[in-house]
PDB file of N, CA and C in Angstrom:
ATOM      1  N   UNK A   1      25.760  45.067 105.450  1.00  0.00           N
ATOM      2  CA  UNK A   1      25.775  45.455 104.044  1.00  0.00           C
ATOM      3  C   UNK A   1      26.956  44.762 103.368  1.00  0.00           C
ATOM      4  N   UNK A   2      26.703  44.141 102.235  1.00  0.00           N
ATOM      5  CA  UNK A   2      27.768  43.464 101.505  1.00  0.00           C
ATOM      6  C   UNK A   2      28.454  44.442 100.574  1.00  0.00           C
ATOM      7  N   UNK A   3      29.623  44.059 100.090  1.00  0.00           N
ATOM      8  CA  UNK A   3      30.333  44.906  99.130  1.00  0.00           C
ATOM      9  C   UNK A   3      29.481  45.168  97.893  1.00  0.00           C
ATOM     10  N   UNK A   4      28.741  44.142  97.440  1.00  0.00           N
ATOM     11  CA  UNK A   4      27.881  44.334  96.268  1.00  0.00           C
ATOM     12  C   UNK A   4      26.849  45.422  96.521  1.00  0.00           C
ATOM     13  N   UNK A   5      26.290  45.449  97.732  1.00  0.00           N
ATOM     14  CA  UNK A   5      25.322  46.487  98.058  1.00  0.00           C
ATOM     15  C   UNK A   5      25.978  47.865  98.027  1.00  0.00           C
ATOM     16  N   UNK A   6      27.159  47.963  98.599  1.00  0.00           N
ATOM     17  CA  UNK A   6      27.850  49.238  98.696  1.00  0.00           C
ATOM     18  C   UNK A   6      28.399  49.704  97.350  1.00  0.00           C
ATOM     19  N   UNK A   7      28.957  48.785  96.587  1.00  0.00           N
ATOM     20  CA  UNK A   7      29.671  49.161  95.362  1.00  0.00           C
ATOM     21  C   UNK A   7      28.860  49.010  94.082  1.00  0.00           C
ATOM     22  N   UNK A   8      27.634  48.518  94.167  1.00  0.00           N
ATOM     23  CA  UNK A   8      26.836  48.294  92.962  1.00  0.00           C
ATOM     24  C   UNK A   8      26.699  49.521  92.082  1.00  0.00           C
ATOM     25  N   UNK A   9      26.429  50.664  92.698  1.00  0.00           N
ATOM     26  CA  UNK A   9      26.293  51.897  91.917  1.00  0.00           C
ATOM     27  C   UNK A   9      27.602  52.311  91.269  1.00  0.00           C
ATOM     28  N   UNK A  10      28.707  52.113  91.999  1.00  0.00           N
ATOM     29  CA  UNK A  10      30.019  52.454  91.429  1.00  0.00           C
ATOM     30  C   UNK A  10      30.347  51.554  90.244  1.00  0.00           C
ATOM     31  N   UNK A  11      30.008  50.283  90.368  1.00  0.00           N
ATOM     32  CA  UNK A  11      30.257  49.351  89.265  1.00  0.00           C
ATOM     33  C   UNK A  11      29.437  49.755  88.047  1.00  0.00           C
ATOM     34  N   UNK A  12      28.180  50.131  88.258  1.00  0.00           N
ATOM     35  CA  UNK A  12      27.338  50.577  87.137  1.00  0.00           C
ATOM     36  C   UNK A  12      27.947  51.810  86.460  1.00  0.00           C
ATOM     37  N   UNK A  13      28.487  52.727  87.255  1.00  0.00           N
ATOM     38  CA  UNK A  13      29.130  53.917  86.678  1.00  0.00           C
ATOM     39  C   UNK A  13      30.371  53.540  85.881  1.00  0.00           C
ATOM     40  N   UNK A  14      31.152  52.599  86.391  1.00  0.00           N
ATOM     41  CA  UNK A  14      32.310  52.104  85.635  1.00  0.00           C
ATOM     42  C   UNK A  14      31.860  51.531  84.296  1.00  0.00           C
ATOM     43  N   UNK A  15      30.809  50.718  84.340  1.00  0.00           N
ATOM     44  CA  UNK A  15      30.294  50.095  83.118  1.00  0.00           C
ATOM     45  C   UNK A  15      29.879  51.169  82.116  1.00  0.00           C
ATOM     46  N   UNK A  16      29.108  52.152  82.566  1.00  0.00           N
ATOM     47  CA  UNK A  16      28.682  53.228  81.651  1.00  0.00           C
ATOM     48  C   UNK A  16      29.878  54.007  81.124  1.00  0.00           C
ATOM     49  N   UNK A  17      30.832  54.291  81.989  1.00  0.00           N
ATOM     50  CA  UNK A  17      32.027  55.021  81.568  1.00  0.00           C
ATOM     51  C   UNK A  17      32.766  54.268  80.462  1.00  0.00           C
ATOM     52  N   UNK A  18      33.021  52.986  80.679  1.00  0.00           N
ATOM     53  CA  UNK A  18      33.770  52.207  79.691  1.00  0.00           C
ATOM     54  C   UNK A  18      32.961  51.978  78.419  1.00  0.00           C
ATOM     55  N   UNK A  19      31.642  51.804  78.562  1.00  0.00           N
ATOM     56  CA  UNK A  19      30.789  51.658  77.371  1.00  0.00           C
ATOM     57  C   UNK A  19      30.758  52.962  76.578  1.00  0.00           C
ATOM     58  N   UNK A  20      30.976  54.085  77.248  1.00  0.00           N
ATOM     59  CA  UNK A  20      31.035  55.374  76.565  1.00  0.00           C
ATOM     60  C   UNK A  20      32.315  55.566  75.781  1.00  0.00           C
ATOM     61  N   UNK A  21      33.362  54.843  76.168  1.00  0.00           N
ATOM     62  CA  UNK A  21      34.635  54.926  75.447  1.00  0.00           C
ATOM     63  C   UNK A  21      34.654  54.018  74.229  1.00  0.00           C
ATOM     64  N   UNK A  22      34.078  52.824  74.386  1.00  0.00           N
ATOM     65  CA  UNK A  22      34.002  51.850  73.293  1.00  0.00           C
ATOM     66  C   UNK A  22      33.016  50.771  73.704  1.00  0.00           C
ATOM     67  N   UNK A  23      32.462  50.043  72.735  1.00  0.00           N
ATOM     68  CA  UNK A  23      31.550  48.959  73.095  1.00  0.00           C
ATOM     69  C   UNK A  23      32.247  47.952  74.010  1.00  0.00           C
ATOM     70  N   UNK A  24      31.487  47.395  74.947  1.00  0.00           N
ATOM     71  CA  UNK A  24      32.026  46.446  75.922  1.00  0.00           C
ATOM     72  C   UNK A  24      31.324  45.110  75.783  1.00  0.00           C
ATOM     73  N   UNK A  25      31.940  44.066  76.360  1.00  0.00           N
ATOM     74  CA  UNK A  25      31.312  42.746  76.436  1.00  0.00           C
ATOM     75  C   UNK A  25      31.597  42.187  77.814  1.00  0.00           C
ATOM     76  N   UNK A  26      30.832  41.198  78.220  1.00  0.00           N
ATOM     77  CA  UNK A  26      30.849  40.685  79.581  1.00  0.00           C
ATOM     78  C   UNK A  26      32.218  40.378  80.154  1.00  0.00           C
ATOM     79  N   UNK A  27      32.933  39.435  79.553  1.00  0.00           N
ATOM     80  CA  UNK A  27      34.227  39.024  80.092  1.00  0.00           C
ATOM     81  C   UNK A  27      35.216  40.188  80.084  1.00  0.00           C
ATOM     82  N   UNK A  28      35.187  41.001  79.044  1.00  0.00           N
ATOM     83  CA  UNK A  28      36.087  42.149  78.962  1.00  0.00           C
ATOM     84  C   UNK A  28      35.857  43.138  80.089  1.00  0.00           C
ATOM     85  N   UNK A  29      34.597  43.410  80.413  1.00  0.00           N
ATOM     86  CA  UNK A  29      34.322  44.384  81.474  1.00  0.00           C
ATOM     87  C   UNK A  29      34.583  43.757  82.845  1.00  0.00           C
ATOM     88  N   UNK A  30      34.408  42.450  82.985  1.00  0.00           N
ATOM     89  CA  UNK A  30      34.772  41.782  84.242  1.00  0.00           C
ATOM     90  C   UNK A  30      36.269  41.954  84.487  1.00  0.00           C
ATOM     91  N   UNK A  31      37.071  41.771  83.453  1.00  0.00           N
ATOM     92  CA  UNK A  31      38.526  41.937  83.581  1.00  0.00           C
ATOM     93  C   UNK A  31      38.886  43.386  83.879  1.00  0.00           C
ATOM     94  N   UNK A  32      38.212  44.319  83.228  1.00  0.00           N
ATOM     95  CA  UNK A  32      38.475  45.747  83.478  1.00  0.00           C
ATOM     96  C   UNK A  32      38.108  46.109  84.916  1.00  0.00           C
ATOM     97  N   UNK A  33      36.978  45.647  85.381  1.00  0.00           N
ATOM     98  CA  UNK A  33      36.570  45.918  86.763  1.00  0.00           C
ATOM     99  C   UNK A  33      37.558  45.305  87.754  1.00  0.00           C
ATOM    100  N   UNK A  34      38.081  44.143  87.428  1.00  0.00           N
ATOM    101  CA  UNK A  34      39.076  43.500  88.287  1.00  0.00           C
ATOM    102  C   UNK A  34      40.311  44.406  88.424  1.00  0.00           C
ATOM    103  N   UNK A  35      40.710  45.063  87.340  1.00  0.00           N
ATOM    104  CA  UNK A  35      41.853  45.993  87.395  1.00  0.00           C
ATOM    105  C   UNK A  35      41.573  47.163  88.341  1.00  0.00           C
ATOM    106  N   UNK A  36      40.300  47.462  88.533  1.00  0.00           N
ATOM    107  CA  UNK A  36      39.907  48.533  89.461  1.00  0.00           C
ATOM    108  C   UNK A  36      39.656  48.002  90.874  1.00  0.00           C
ATOM    109  N   UNK A  37      39.884  46.718  91.088  1.00  0.00           N
ATOM    110  CA  UNK A  37      39.737  46.143  92.418  1.00  0.00           C
ATOM    111  C   UNK A  37      38.383  45.527  92.720  1.00  0.00           C
ATOM    112  N   UNK A  38      37.511  45.424  91.720  1.00  0.00           N
ATOM    113  CA  UNK A  38      36.195  44.814  91.919  1.00  0.00           C
ATOM    114  C   UNK A  38      36.236  43.366  91.455  1.00  0.00           C
ATOM    115  N   UNK A  39      35.818  42.458  92.317  1.00  0.00           N
ATOM    116  CA  UNK A  39      35.673  41.048  91.942  1.00  0.00           C
ATOM    117  C   UNK A  39      34.186  40.821  91.718  1.00  0.00           C
ATOM    118  N   UNK A  40      33.802  40.687  90.474  1.00  0.00           N
ATOM    119  CA  UNK A  40      32.386  40.533  90.144  1.00  0.00           C
ATOM    120  C   UNK A  40      32.225  39.313  89.247  1.00  0.00           C
ATOM    121  N   UNK A  41      31.235  38.510  89.547  1.00  0.00           N
ATOM    122  CA  UNK A  41      30.990  37.300  88.765  1.00  0.00           C
ATOM    123  C   UNK A  41      30.079  37.623  87.578  1.00  0.00           C
ATOM    124  N   UNK A  42      30.093  36.716  86.618  1.00  0.00           N
ATOM    125  CA  UNK A  42      29.190  36.858  85.471  1.00  0.00           C
ATOM    126  C   UNK A  42      27.741  36.844  85.942  1.00  0.00           C
ATOM    127  N   UNK A  43      27.454  36.061  86.987  1.00  0.00           N
ATOM    128  CA  UNK A  43      26.099  35.979  87.527  1.00  0.00           C
ATOM    129  C   UNK A  43      25.618  37.272  88.148  1.00  0.00           C
ATOM    130  N   UNK A  44      26.538  38.141  88.519  1.00  0.00           N
ATOM    131  CA  UNK A  44      26.192  39.472  89.030  1.00  0.00           C
ATOM    132  C   UNK A  44      26.210  40.501  87.911  1.00  0.00           C
ATOM    133  N   UNK A  45      27.206  40.402  87.030  1.00  0.00           N
ATOM    134  CA  UNK A  45      27.360  41.408  85.979  1.00  0.00           C
ATOM    135  C   UNK A  45      26.236  41.375  84.946  1.00  0.00           C
ATOM    136  N   UNK A  46      25.899  40.192  84.456  1.00  0.00           N
ATOM    137  CA  UNK A  46      24.927  40.148  83.358  1.00  0.00           C
ATOM    138  C   UNK A  46      23.556  40.701  83.740  1.00  0.00           C
ATOM    139  N   UNK A  47      23.033  40.395  84.917  1.00  0.00           N
ATOM    140  CA  UNK A  47      21.778  41.053  85.306  1.00  0.00           C
ATOM    141  C   UNK A  47      21.935  42.578  85.399  1.00  0.00           C
ATOM    142  N   UNK A  48      23.116  43.042  85.811  1.00  0.00           N
ATOM    143  CA  UNK A  48      23.380  44.476  85.882  1.00  0.00           C
ATOM    144  C   UNK A  48      23.363  45.087  84.467  1.00  0.00           C
ATOM    145  N   UNK A  49      24.020  44.414  83.516  1.00  0.00           N
ATOM    146  CA  UNK A  49      24.018  44.887  82.126  1.00  0.00           C
ATOM    147  C   UNK A  49      22.596  44.894  81.563  1.00  0.00           C
ATOM    148  N   UNK A  50      21.842  43.837  81.836  1.00  0.00           N
ATOM    149  CA  UNK A  50      20.455  43.768  81.349  1.00  0.00           C
ATOM    150  C   UNK A  50      19.609  44.876  81.978  1.00  0.00           C
ATOM    151  N   UNK A  51      19.838  45.170  83.248  1.00  0.00           N
ATOM    152  CA  UNK A  51      19.111  46.251  83.909  1.00  0.00           C
ATOM    153  C   UNK A  51      19.433  47.605  83.307  1.00  0.00           C
ATOM    154  N   UNK A  52      20.721  47.838  82.989  1.00  0.00           N
ATOM    155  CA  UNK A  52      21.114  49.107  82.356  1.00  0.00           C
ATOM    156  C   UNK A  52      20.521  49.207  80.948  1.00  0.00           C
ATOM    157  N   UNK A  53      20.420  48.079  80.284  1.00  0.00           N
ATOM    158  CA  UNK A  53      19.798  48.077  78.955  1.00  0.00           C
ATOM    159  C   UNK A  53      18.296  48.335  79.076  1.00  0.00           C
ATOM    160  N   UNK A  54      17.657  47.727  80.050  1.00  0.00           N
ATOM    161  CA  UNK A  54      16.213  47.916  80.251  1.00  0.00           C
ATOM    162  C   UNK A  54      15.894  49.387  80.558  1.00  0.00           C
ATOM    163  N   UNK A  55      16.786  50.058  81.290  1.00  0.00           N
ATOM    164  CA  UNK A  55      16.597  51.484  81.605  1.00  0.00           C
ATOM    165  C   UNK A  55      16.864  52.373  80.392  1.00  0.00           C
ATOM    166  N   UNK A  56      17.448  51.799  79.347  1.00  0.00           N
ATOM    167  CA  UNK A  56      17.742  52.577  78.149  1.00  0.00           C
ATOM    168  C   UNK A  56      19.132  53.193  78.146  1.00  0.00           C
ATOM    169  N   UNK A  57      19.988  52.792  79.087  1.00  0.00           N
ATOM    170  CA  UNK A  57      21.341  53.349  79.174  1.00  0.00           C
ATOM    171  C   UNK A  57      22.340  52.630  78.275  1.00  0.00           C
ATOM    172  N   UNK A  58      22.066  51.372  77.980  1.00  0.00           N
ATOM    173  CA  UNK A  58      22.915  50.573  77.095  1.00  0.00           C
ATOM    174  C   UNK A  58      22.055  49.956  76.006  1.00  0.00           C
ATOM    175  N   UNK A  59      22.673  49.670  74.891  1.00  0.00           N
ATOM    176  CA  UNK A  59      22.025  48.969  73.788  1.00  0.00           C
ATOM    177  C   UNK A  59      22.948  47.817  73.408  1.00  0.00           C
ATOM    178  N   UNK A  60      22.401  46.619  73.258  1.00  0.00           N
ATOM    179  CA  UNK A  60      23.252  45.470  72.943  1.00  0.00           C
ATOM    180  C   UNK A  60      22.943  44.923  71.554  1.00  0.00           C
ATOM    181  N   UNK A  61      23.941  44.212  71.057  1.00  0.00           N
ATOM    182  CA  UNK A  61      23.792  43.522  69.770  1.00  0.00           C
ATOM    183  C   UNK A  61      24.704  42.301  69.791  1.00  0.00           C
ATOM    184  N   UNK A  62      24.356  41.298  69.010  1.00  0.00           N
ATOM    185  CA  UNK A  62      25.188  40.105  68.880  1.00  0.00           C
ATOM    186  C   UNK A  62      26.260  40.386  67.831  1.00  0.00           C
ATOM    187  N   UNK A  63      27.492  40.019  68.121  1.00  0.00           N
ATOM    188  CA  UNK A  63      28.581  40.101  67.146  1.00  0.00           C
ATOM    189  C   UNK A  63      29.266  38.756  67.075  1.00  0.00           C
ATOM    190  N   UNK A  64      29.756  38.424  65.915  1.00  0.00           N
ATOM    191  CA  UNK A  64      30.492  37.172  65.705  1.00  0.00           C
ATOM    192  C   UNK A  64      31.979  37.437  65.846  1.00  0.00           C
ATOM    193  N   UNK A  65      32.635  36.600  66.626  1.00  0.00           N
ATOM    194  CA  UNK A  65      34.086  36.634  66.765  1.00  0.00           C
ATOM    195  C   UNK A  65      34.574  35.235  66.444  1.00  0.00           C
ATOM    196  N   UNK A  66      34.962  35.038  65.197  1.00  0.00           N
ATOM    197  CA  UNK A  66      35.324  33.695  64.758  1.00  0.00           C
ATOM    198  C   UNK A  66      34.094  32.814  64.779  1.00  0.00           C
ATOM    199  N   UNK A  67      34.188  31.707  65.487  1.00  0.00           N
ATOM    200  CA  UNK A  67      33.059  30.779  65.548  1.00  0.00           C
ATOM    201  C   UNK A  67      32.118  31.088  66.712  1.00  0.00           C
ATOM    202  N   UNK A  68      32.460  32.100  67.508  1.00  0.00           N
ATOM    203  CA  UNK A  68      31.658  32.426  68.705  1.00  0.00           C
ATOM    204  C   UNK A  68      30.849  33.701  68.498  1.00  0.00           C
ATOM    205  N   UNK A  69      29.698  33.726  69.120  1.00  0.00           N
ATOM    206  CA  UNK A  69      28.886  34.947  69.145  1.00  0.00           C
ATOM    207  C   UNK A  69      29.083  35.604  70.504  1.00  0.00           C
ATOM    208  N   UNK A  70      29.090  36.916  70.509  1.00  0.00           N
ATOM    209  CA  UNK A  70      29.288  37.665  71.751  1.00  0.00           C
ATOM    210  C   UNK A  70      28.294  38.817  71.767  1.00  0.00           C
ATOM    211  N   UNK A  71      27.686  39.071  72.923  1.00  0.00           N
ATOM    212  CA  UNK A  71      26.790  40.212  73.080  1.00  0.00           C
ATOM    213  C   UNK A  71      27.654  41.408  73.449  1.00  0.00           C
ATOM    214  N   UNK A  72      27.524  42.479  72.677  1.00  0.00           N
ATOM    215  CA  UNK A  72      28.318  43.692  72.862  1.00  0.00           C
ATOM    216  C   UNK A  72      27.361  44.821  73.247  1.00  0.00           C
ATOM    217  N   UNK A  73      27.786  45.627  74.209  1.00  0.00           N
ATOM    218  CA  UNK A  73      26.964  46.709  74.750  1.00  0.00           C
ATOM    219  C   UNK A  73      27.600  48.058  74.443  1.00  0.00           C
ATOM    220  N   UNK A  74      26.775  49.007  74.004  1.00  0.00           N
ATOM    221  CA  UNK A  74      27.224  50.376  73.743  1.00  0.00           C
ATOM    222  C   UNK A  74      26.329  51.340  74.516  1.00  0.00           C
ATOM    223  N   UNK A  75      26.889  52.461  74.906  1.00  0.00           N
ATOM    224  CA  UNK A  75      26.121  53.461  75.648  1.00  0.00           C
ATOM    225  C   UNK A  75      25.141  54.161  74.700  1.00  0.00           C
ATOM    226  N   UNK A  76      24.016  54.552  75.228  1.00  0.00           N
ATOM    227  CA  UNK A  76      23.007  55.294  74.459  1.00  0.00           C
ATOM    228  C   UNK A  76      23.083  56.775  74.835  1.00  0.00           C
ATOM    229  N   UNK A  77      22.310  57.589  74.166  1.00  0.00           N
ATOM    230  CA  UNK A  77      22.213  59.009  74.514  1.00  0.00           C
ATOM    231  C   UNK A  77      21.720  59.169  75.947  1.00  0.00           C
ATOM    232  N   UNK A  78      20.730  58.356  76.327  1.00  0.00           N
ATOM    233  CA  UNK A  78      20.220  58.405  77.699  1.00  0.00           C
ATOM    234  C   UNK A  78      21.294  57.983  78.699  1.00  0.00           C
ATOM    235  N   UNK A  79      22.088  56.988  78.323  1.00  0.00           N
ATOM    236  CA  UNK A  79      23.175  56.534  79.181  1.00  0.00           C
ATOM    237  C   UNK A  79      24.226  57.617  79.390  1.00  0.00           C
ATOM    238  N   UNK A  80      24.545  58.339  78.305  1.00  0.00           N
ATOM    239  CA  UNK A  80      25.516  59.447  78.421  1.00  0.00           C
ATOM    240  C   UNK A  80      24.978  60.547  79.336  1.00  0.00           C
ATOM    241  N   UNK A  81      23.700  60.854  79.206  1.00  0.00           N
ATOM    242  CA  UNK A  81      23.086  61.881  80.060  1.00  0.00           C
ATOM    243  C   UNK A  81      23.104  61.439  81.521  1.00  0.00           C
ATOM    244  N   UNK A  82      22.784  60.174  81.775  1.00  0.00           N
ATOM    245  CA  UNK A  82      22.798  59.654  83.145  1.00  0.00           C
ATOM    246  C   UNK A  82      24.214  59.675  83.716  1.00  0.00           C
ATOM    247  N   UNK A  83      25.196  59.317  82.901  1.00  0.00           N
ATOM    248  CA  UNK A  83      26.587  59.330  83.346  1.00  0.00           C
ATOM    249  C   UNK A  83      27.047  60.749  83.656  1.00  0.00           C
ATOM    250  N   UNK A  84      26.682  61.700  82.822  1.00  0.00           N
ATOM    251  CA  UNK A  84      27.038  63.104  83.059  1.00  0.00           C
ATOM    252  C   UNK A  84      26.440  63.598  84.368  1.00  0.00           C
ATOM    253  N   UNK A  85      25.176  63.278  84.612  1.00  0.00           N
ATOM    254  CA  UNK A  85      24.514  63.687  85.858  1.00  0.00           C
ATOM    255  C   UNK A  85      25.169  63.007  87.058  1.00  0.00           C
ATOM    256  N   UNK A  86      25.521  61.739  86.914  1.00  0.00           N
ATOM    257  CA  UNK A  86      26.145  61.000  88.015  1.00  0.00           C
ATOM    258  C   UNK A  86      27.517  61.563  88.340  1.00  0.00           C
ATOM    259  N   UNK A  87      28.253  62.026  87.330  1.00  0.00           N
ATOM    260  CA  UNK A  87      29.584  62.611  87.569  1.00  0.00           C
ATOM    261  C   UNK A  87      29.485  63.826  88.488  1.00  0.00           C
ATOM    262  N   UNK A  88      28.446  64.624  88.333  1.00  0.00           N
ATOM    263  CA  UNK A  88      28.241  65.789  89.199  1.00  0.00           C
ATOM    264  C   UNK A  88      28.047  65.326  90.640  1.00  0.00           C
ATOM    265  N   UNK A  89      27.214  64.303  90.821  1.00  0.00           N
ATOM    266  CA  UNK A  89      26.949  63.781  92.164  1.00  0.00           C
ATOM    267  C   UNK A  89      28.198  63.131  92.767  1.00  0.00           C
ATOM    268  N   UNK A  90      28.953  62.417  91.955  1.00  0.00           N
ATOM    269  CA  UNK A  90      30.178  61.771  92.446  1.00  0.00           C
ATOM    270  C   UNK A  90      31.193  62.830  92.866  1.00  0.00           C
ATOM    271  N   UNK A  91      31.320  63.882  92.089  1.00  0.00           N
ATOM    272  CA  UNK A  91      32.255  64.959  92.432  1.00  0.00           C
ATOM    273  C   UNK A  91      31.856  65.612  93.757  1.00  0.00           C
ATOM    274  N   UNK A  92      30.558  65.823  93.937  1.00  0.00           N
ATOM    275  CA  UNK A  92      30.051  66.396  95.189  1.00  0.00           C
ATOM    276  C   UNK A  92      30.347  65.467  96.365  1.00  0.00           C
ATOM    277  N   UNK A  93      30.084  64.180  96.191  1.00  0.00           N
ATOM    278  CA  UNK A  93      30.343  63.213  97.250  1.00  0.00           C
ATOM    279  C   UNK A  93      31.837  63.125  97.548  1.00  0.00           C
ATOM    280  N   UNK A  94      32.654  63.099  96.512  1.00  0.00           N
ATOM    281  CA  UNK A  94      34.099  63.048  96.693  1.00  0.00           C
ATOM    282  C   UNK A  94      34.565  64.231  97.547  1.00  0.00           C
ATOM    283  N   UNK A  95      34.032  65.405  97.247  1.00  0.00           N
ATOM    284  CA  UNK A  95      34.372  66.595  98.040  1.00  0.00           C
ATOM    285  C   UNK A  95      34.007  66.435  99.496  1.00  0.00           C
ATOM    286  N   UNK A  96      32.846  65.888  99.765  1.00  0.00           N
ATOM    287  CA  UNK A  96      32.409  65.686 101.159  1.00  0.00           C
ATOM    288  C   UNK A  96      33.251  64.619 101.853  1.00  0.00           C
ATOM    289  N   UNK A  97      33.556  63.550 101.148  1.00  0.00           N
ATOM    290  CA  UNK A  97      34.318  62.461 101.769  1.00  0.00           C
ATOM    291  C   UNK A  97      35.753  62.853 102.090  1.00  0.00           C
ATOM    292  N   UNK A  98      36.330  63.729 101.269  1.00  0.00           N
ATOM    293  CA  UNK A  98      37.753  64.024 101.404  1.00  0.00           C
ATOM    294  C   UNK A  98      38.067  65.470 101.741  1.00  0.00           C
ATOM    295  N   UNK A  99      37.044  66.250 102.102  1.00  0.00           N
ATOM    296  CA  UNK A  99      37.324  67.642 102.477  1.00  0.00           C
ATOM    297  C   UNK A  99      38.069  67.657 103.803  1.00  0.00           C
ATOM    298  N   UNK A 100      38.918  68.612 103.943  1.00  0.00           N
ATOM    299  CA  UNK A 100      39.714  68.742 105.168  1.00  0.00           C
ATOM    300  C   UNK A 100      38.941  69.616 106.160  1.00  0.00           C
ATOM    301  N   UNK A 101      38.914  69.185 107.403  1.00  0.00           N
ATOM    302  CA  UNK A 101      38.315  70.002 108.453  1.00  0.00           C
ATOM    303  C   UNK A 101      39.324  71.057 108.885  1.00  0.00           C
ATOM    304  N   UNK A 102      38.906  72.302 108.821  1.00  0.00           N
ATOM    305  CA  UNK A 102      39.829  73.390 109.178  1.00  0.00           C
ATOM    306  C   UNK A 102      39.753  73.738 110.638  1.00  0.00           C
TER     307      UNK A 102
END
Protein backbone atom coordinates (compact mmCIF):
# COMPACT_ATOMS: atom_id res chain seq x y z
CA UNK A 1 0.00 0.00 0.00
CA UNK A 2 1.39 3.40 -0.95
CA UNK A 3 1.12 6.53 1.15
CA UNK A 4 -1.40 7.90 -1.37
CA UNK A 5 -3.59 4.86 -0.79
CA UNK A 6 -3.35 5.21 2.98
CA UNK A 7 -3.60 8.99 3.25
CA UNK A 8 -5.98 9.80 0.38
CA UNK A 9 -9.02 10.03 2.64
CA UNK A 10 -7.15 12.19 5.15
CA UNK A 11 -6.05 14.54 2.39
CA UNK A 12 -9.65 14.83 1.16
CA UNK A 13 -10.74 15.71 4.71
CA UNK A 14 -8.02 18.36 4.93
CA UNK A 15 -9.22 19.80 1.62
CA UNK A 16 -12.85 19.94 2.80
CA UNK A 17 -11.81 21.42 6.14
CA UNK A 18 -9.78 24.21 4.55
CA UNK A 19 -12.41 24.85 1.86
CA UNK A 20 -14.90 25.24 4.72
CA UNK A 21 -12.77 28.00 6.23
CA UNK A 22 -12.25 29.92 2.99
CA UNK A 23 -12.16 29.24 -0.75
CA UNK A 24 -9.05 27.31 -1.80
CA UNK A 25 -7.01 26.95 -4.99
CA UNK A 26 -4.64 24.23 -6.18
CA UNK A 27 -1.20 25.61 -5.38
CA UNK A 28 -2.41 27.13 -2.11
CA UNK A 29 -3.82 23.84 -0.84
CA UNK A 30 -0.69 21.96 -1.99
CA UNK A 31 1.36 24.33 0.18
CA UNK A 32 -1.06 23.95 3.10
CA UNK A 33 -0.94 20.16 2.85
CA UNK A 34 2.86 20.33 2.76
CA UNK A 35 2.73 22.16 6.14
CA UNK A 36 0.82 19.13 7.44
CA UNK A 37 3.50 16.76 6.13
CA UNK A 38 1.79 15.63 2.91
CA UNK A 39 3.77 15.80 -0.33
CA UNK A 40 1.15 15.83 -3.05
CA UNK A 41 1.61 16.72 -6.70
CA UNK A 42 -0.75 18.76 -8.83
CA UNK A 43 -1.31 15.59 -10.86
CA UNK A 44 -2.73 13.92 -7.75
CA UNK A 45 -4.52 16.91 -6.23
CA UNK A 46 -6.49 18.16 -9.22
CA UNK A 47 -8.23 14.84 -9.93
CA UNK A 48 -9.04 14.72 -6.19
CA UNK A 49 -10.54 18.24 -6.33
CA UNK A 50 -12.52 17.32 -9.46
CA UNK A 51 -13.79 14.16 -7.74
CA UNK A 52 -14.93 16.14 -4.69
CA UNK A 53 -16.66 18.58 -7.01
CA UNK A 54 -18.32 15.74 -8.95
CA UNK A 55 -19.66 14.34 -5.64
CA UNK A 56 -21.13 17.76 -4.88
CA UNK A 57 -18.80 18.52 -1.95
CA UNK A 58 -17.00 21.41 -3.65
CA UNK A 59 -18.06 24.03 -6.16
CA UNK A 60 -15.49 25.77 -8.36
CA UNK A 61 -15.35 29.01 -10.27
CA UNK A 62 -12.74 30.85 -12.31
CA UNK A 63 -11.29 33.99 -10.71
CA UNK A 64 -8.89 36.51 -12.20
CA UNK A 65 -5.75 37.39 -10.28
CA UNK A 66 -4.03 40.07 -12.30
CA UNK A 67 -3.36 38.63 -15.72
CA UNK A 68 -3.88 35.02 -14.56
CA UNK A 69 -7.04 33.01 -14.11
CA UNK A 70 -7.29 30.62 -11.18
CA UNK A 71 -9.89 27.97 -10.36
CA UNK A 72 -11.13 28.49 -6.80
CA UNK A 73 -13.03 25.85 -4.82
CA UNK A 74 -15.56 26.42 -2.03
CA UNK A 75 -17.33 23.88 0.15
CA UNK A 76 -21.01 23.19 -0.50
CA UNK A 77 -23.79 22.33 1.94
CA UNK A 78 -23.30 18.68 1.01
CA UNK A 79 -19.56 19.03 1.61
CA UNK A 80 -20.17 20.49 5.08
CA UNK A 81 -22.52 17.61 5.92
CA UNK A 82 -19.97 15.05 4.70
CA UNK A 83 -17.21 16.75 6.71
CA UNK A 84 -19.36 16.77 9.85
CA UNK A 85 -20.12 13.06 9.45
CA UNK A 86 -16.45 12.29 8.79
CA UNK A 87 -15.40 14.15 11.96
CA UNK A 88 -17.50 11.72 14.01
CA UNK A 89 -15.79 8.75 12.35
CA UNK A 90 -12.32 10.30 12.73
CA UNK A 91 -12.94 10.95 16.43
CA UNK A 92 -14.03 7.32 16.87
CA UNK A 93 -10.97 6.05 15.02
CA UNK A 94 -8.67 8.36 16.96
CA UNK A 95 -10.07 6.92 20.19
CA UNK A 96 -9.40 3.37 19.02
CA UNK A 97 -5.90 4.13 17.76
CA UNK A 98 -4.79 5.93 20.91
CA UNK A 99 -6.82 4.37 23.72
CA UNK A 100 -4.74 3.06 26.57
CA UNK A 101 -4.96 -0.61 27.46
CA UNK A 102 -5.74 -0.90 31.15
